[in-house]
Amino acid sequence: MNLKPQDVLVALKLASTSGVGWSYPALVVALNLSLGELHKSIKRLTAAGLYNENTRAVRRGALEEFLIHGVKYAFPLERGGVMRGIPTAWATSPLKEKLIDTSELPPIWPHPEGTVQGQSWTPLYASVPDAALKDPALHEVLALLDAIRGGSARERNLAVDLLRERLKNKPELPIVALG
């Protein structure tokens, strides 16, 4: 069973929250996925060893390793033209505060509600921009992941450190399942 980009989105959402109060329907709304997509995603994450169905928790060590070393190869970043969108990678927090602003166009996910003109980067999954708008913590980890997927060595190294910090600072509490 091969992982799909939405599986990374699901894993990051679960890892970026404490898990308290989350239900499958809440994740469906938060990530703009169908219930079927979400269940299949959890199954694929389990088969890949990134999620433990018994404890209902993301396996943070395995997820960290996959995000840092595998995602950029499994789901390579695609760059596009200049347009309006939502900042990602080093153009938004937390990397934005750590790097000196350059004259280079900022990377963005194309989105009609976006306020920044920049170079479009195709998001990991189509619902990423909407999910990021709903959840600033998720936006941060998705932006860090984009920096790992498409940044320079310096940007990648900073993103790796910040992503590790975010993954370790959350308790491994389970997602609440329905009935």
Protein backbone atom coordinates (compact mmCIF):
# COMPACT_ATOMS: atom_id res chain seq x y z
CA MET A 1 0.00 0.00 0.00
CA ASN A 2 1.59 3.28 -1.13
CA LEU A 3 1.27 6.51 0.78
CA LYS A 4 -0.51 9.41 -0.87
CA PRO A 5 0.08 13.13 -0.31
CA GLN A 6 -3.13 13.48 1.74
CA ASP A 7 -1.72 10.91 4.17
CA VAL A 8 1.10 13.31 5.03
CA LEU A 9 -1.49 16.05 5.57
CA VAL A 10 -3.48 13.80 7.92
CA ALA A 11 -0.36 12.77 9.84
CA LEU A 12 0.76 16.38 10.22
CA LYS A 13 -2.66 17.44 11.45
CA LEU A 14 -2.68 14.67 14.03
CA ALA A 15 0.91 15.45 15.05
CA SER A 16 0.35 19.22 15.24
CA THR A 17 -2.49 18.88 17.73
CA SER A 18 -2.69 17.18 21.08
CA GLY A 19 -5.47 14.96 19.76
CA VAL A 20 -7.84 16.05 22.51
CA GLY A 21 -11.40 16.48 21.30
CA TRP A 22 -10.72 15.49 17.70
CA SER A 23 -13.08 13.17 15.94
CA TYR A 24 -13.14 11.78 12.44
CA PRO A 25 -15.89 14.24 11.42
CA ALA A 26 -13.85 17.14 12.83
CA LEU A 27 -10.80 16.05 10.84
CA VAL A 28 -12.93 15.73 7.71
CA VAL A 29 -13.96 19.38 8.08
CA ALA A 30 -10.51 20.61 9.11
CA LEU A 31 -8.75 18.94 6.18
CA ASN A 32 -11.49 19.08 3.52
CA LEU A 33 -11.38 15.31 3.06
CA SER A 34 -14.23 12.83 2.78
CA LEU A 35 -14.75 10.37 5.62
CA GLY A 36 -13.75 7.55 3.27
CA GLU A 37 -10.55 9.36 2.27
CA LEU A 38 -9.70 9.90 5.93
CA HIS A 39 -10.26 6.26 6.87
CA LYS A 40 -8.16 5.07 3.91
CA SER A 41 -5.46 7.54 4.87
CA ILE A 42 -5.32 6.20 8.43
CA LYS A 43 -5.04 2.66 7.02
CA ARG A 44 -2.15 3.65 4.74
CA LEU A 45 -0.39 5.50 7.58
CA THR A 46 -0.77 2.40 9.75
CA ALA A 47 0.59 0.10 7.02
CA ALA A 48 3.57 2.44 6.58
CA GLY A 49 4.31 2.38 10.33
CA LEU A 50 3.55 6.08 10.79
CA TYR A 51 0.38 5.59 12.86
CA ASN A 52 -0.51 3.12 15.60
CA GLU A 53 -4.18 2.11 15.44
CA ASN A 54 -4.01 0.45 18.86
CA THR A 55 -2.90 3.59 20.68
CA ARG A 56 -4.53 5.85 18.06
CA ALA A 57 -1.39 7.97 17.90
CA VAL A 58 1.06 9.13 15.26
CA ARG A 59 4.44 7.46 15.60
CA ARG A 60 6.36 10.69 15.88
CA GLY A 61 9.87 9.26 15.42
CA ALA A 62 8.92 7.44 12.25
CA LEU A 63 6.96 10.43 10.97
CA GLU A 64 9.88 12.76 11.65
CA GLU A 65 12.24 10.49 9.72
CA PHE A 66 9.84 10.28 6.77
CA LEU A 67 9.19 14.03 6.68
CA ILE A 68 12.87 14.93 6.82
CA HIS A 69 14.29 12.25 4.54
CA GLY A 70 11.48 10.84 2.39
CA VAL A 71 8.73 13.32 1.55
CA LYS A 72 10.82 15.43 -0.85
CA TYR A 73 11.49 12.29 -2.91
CA ALA A 74 8.05 10.69 -2.62
CA PHE A 75 6.19 13.96 -3.31
CA PRO A 76 8.54 16.38 -5.10
CA LEU A 77 7.76 20.06 -5.14
CA GLU A 78 6.52 21.67 -8.37
CA ARG A 79 7.09 25.35 -9.02
CA GLY A 80 4.84 27.47 -11.20
CA GLY A 81 4.35 31.04 -12.29
CA VAL A 82 3.82 34.27 -10.40
CA MET A 83 0.40 34.66 -8.80
CA ARG A 84 -1.43 35.53 -5.62
CA GLY A 85 -1.65 33.09 -2.75
CA ILE A 86 -0.80 32.01 0.77
CA PRO A 87 2.86 32.20 1.82
CA THR A 88 4.73 28.97 2.49
CA ALA A 89 8.26 27.81 3.32
CA TRP A 90 10.50 30.73 4.35
CA ALA A 91 7.88 33.35 3.38
CA THR A 92 5.84 32.66 6.54
CA SER A 93 6.35 31.83 10.21
CA PRO A 94 8.39 30.38 11.72
CA LEU A 95 11.17 30.59 9.09
CA LYS A 96 10.32 34.16 8.08
CA GLU A 97 11.56 35.45 11.44
CA LYS A 98 14.83 33.51 11.19
CA LEU A 99 15.94 34.46 7.68
CA ILE A 100 16.91 37.75 6.08
CA ASP A 101 14.38 38.94 3.52
CA THR A 102 15.67 38.73 -0.05
CA SER A 103 14.49 40.34 -3.26
CA GLU A 104 13.44 36.88 -4.42
CA LEU A 105 9.73 36.27 -4.95
CA PRO A 106 8.23 34.48 -1.93
CA PRO A 107 6.90 30.95 -2.39
CA ILE A 108 3.11 30.74 -2.19
CA TRP A 109 0.31 28.20 -2.53
CA PRO A 110 -2.09 29.59 -5.14
CA HIS A 111 -5.37 30.53 -3.46
CA PRO A 112 -8.11 33.09 -4.16
CA GLU A 113 -7.97 34.37 -0.55
CA GLY A 114 -4.20 34.80 -0.71
CA THR A 115 -2.75 38.23 -0.05
CA VAL A 116 0.84 37.70 -1.22
CA GLN A 117 2.19 37.88 -4.77
CA GLY A 118 4.83 35.23 -5.29
CA GLN A 119 6.06 32.14 -7.11
CA SER A 120 3.49 29.39 -6.94
CA TRP A 121 4.46 26.12 -5.35
CA THR A 122 1.98 23.32 -5.85
CA PRO A 123 0.81 22.32 -2.38
CA LEU A 124 1.42 18.80 -1.12
CA TYR A 125 -2.32 18.14 -1.54
CA ALA A 126 -5.12 20.25 -3.02
CA SER A 127 -6.79 21.00 0.34
CA VAL A 128 -3.55 22.18 2.03
CA PRO A 129 -4.17 25.94 1.58
CA ASP A 130 -7.70 25.74 3.00
CA ALA A 131 -6.57 23.54 5.91
CA ALA A 132 -3.69 25.94 6.62
CA LEU A 133 -6.05 28.93 6.70
CA LYS A 134 -8.13 27.17 9.35
CA ASP A 135 -5.20 26.12 11.55
CA PRO A 136 -2.08 28.30 12.07
CA ALA A 137 -0.14 25.46 13.76
CA LEU A 138 -0.80 23.19 10.79
CA HIS A 139 0.18 26.02 8.42
CA GLU A 140 3.54 26.27 10.20
CA VAL A 141 4.39 22.57 9.90
CA LEU A 142 3.22 22.45 6.27
CA ALA A 143 5.37 25.51 5.49
CA LEU A 144 8.35 23.87 7.20
CA LEU A 145 7.77 20.74 5.15
CA ASP A 146 7.72 22.85 1.97
CA ALA A 147 11.06 24.40 2.99
CA ILE A 148 12.44 20.87 3.33
CA ARG A 149 10.97 19.90 -0.05
CA GLY A 150 12.09 22.99 -1.96
CA GLY A 151 14.45 25.19 0.01
CA SER A 152 18.19 25.77 -0.08
CA ALA A 153 20.44 23.82 2.28
CA ARG A 154 20.27 26.58 4.92
CA GLU A 155 16.47 26.81 4.71
CA ARG A 156 16.15 23.01 4.86
CA ASN A 157 18.40 22.75 7.91
CA LEU A 158 16.48 25.44 9.79
CA ALA A 159 13.17 23.85 8.77
CA VAL A 160 14.33 20.43 9.98
CA ASP A 161 15.27 21.84 13.40
CA LEU A 162 11.96 23.70 13.74
CA LEU A 163 9.91 20.74 12.55
CA ARG A 164 11.63 18.42 15.04
CA GLU A 165 10.88 20.92 17.80
CA ARG A 166 7.19 21.06 16.86
CA LEU A 167 6.82 17.30 16.62
CA LYS A 168 8.44 16.75 20.01
CA ASN A 169 6.53 19.48 21.84
CA LYS A 170 3.16 17.78 21.43
CA PRO A 171 2.01 14.94 23.64
CA GLU A 172 1.15 11.68 21.93
CA LEU A 173 -2.54 11.66 22.68
CA PRO A 174 -4.95 9.66 20.55
CA ILE A 175 -7.54 10.88 18.10
CA VAL A 176 -11.06 10.36 19.37
CA ALA A 177 -12.96 7.87 17.21
CA LEU A 178 -16.67 7.68 16.67
CA GLY A 179 -18.64 4.90 18.36
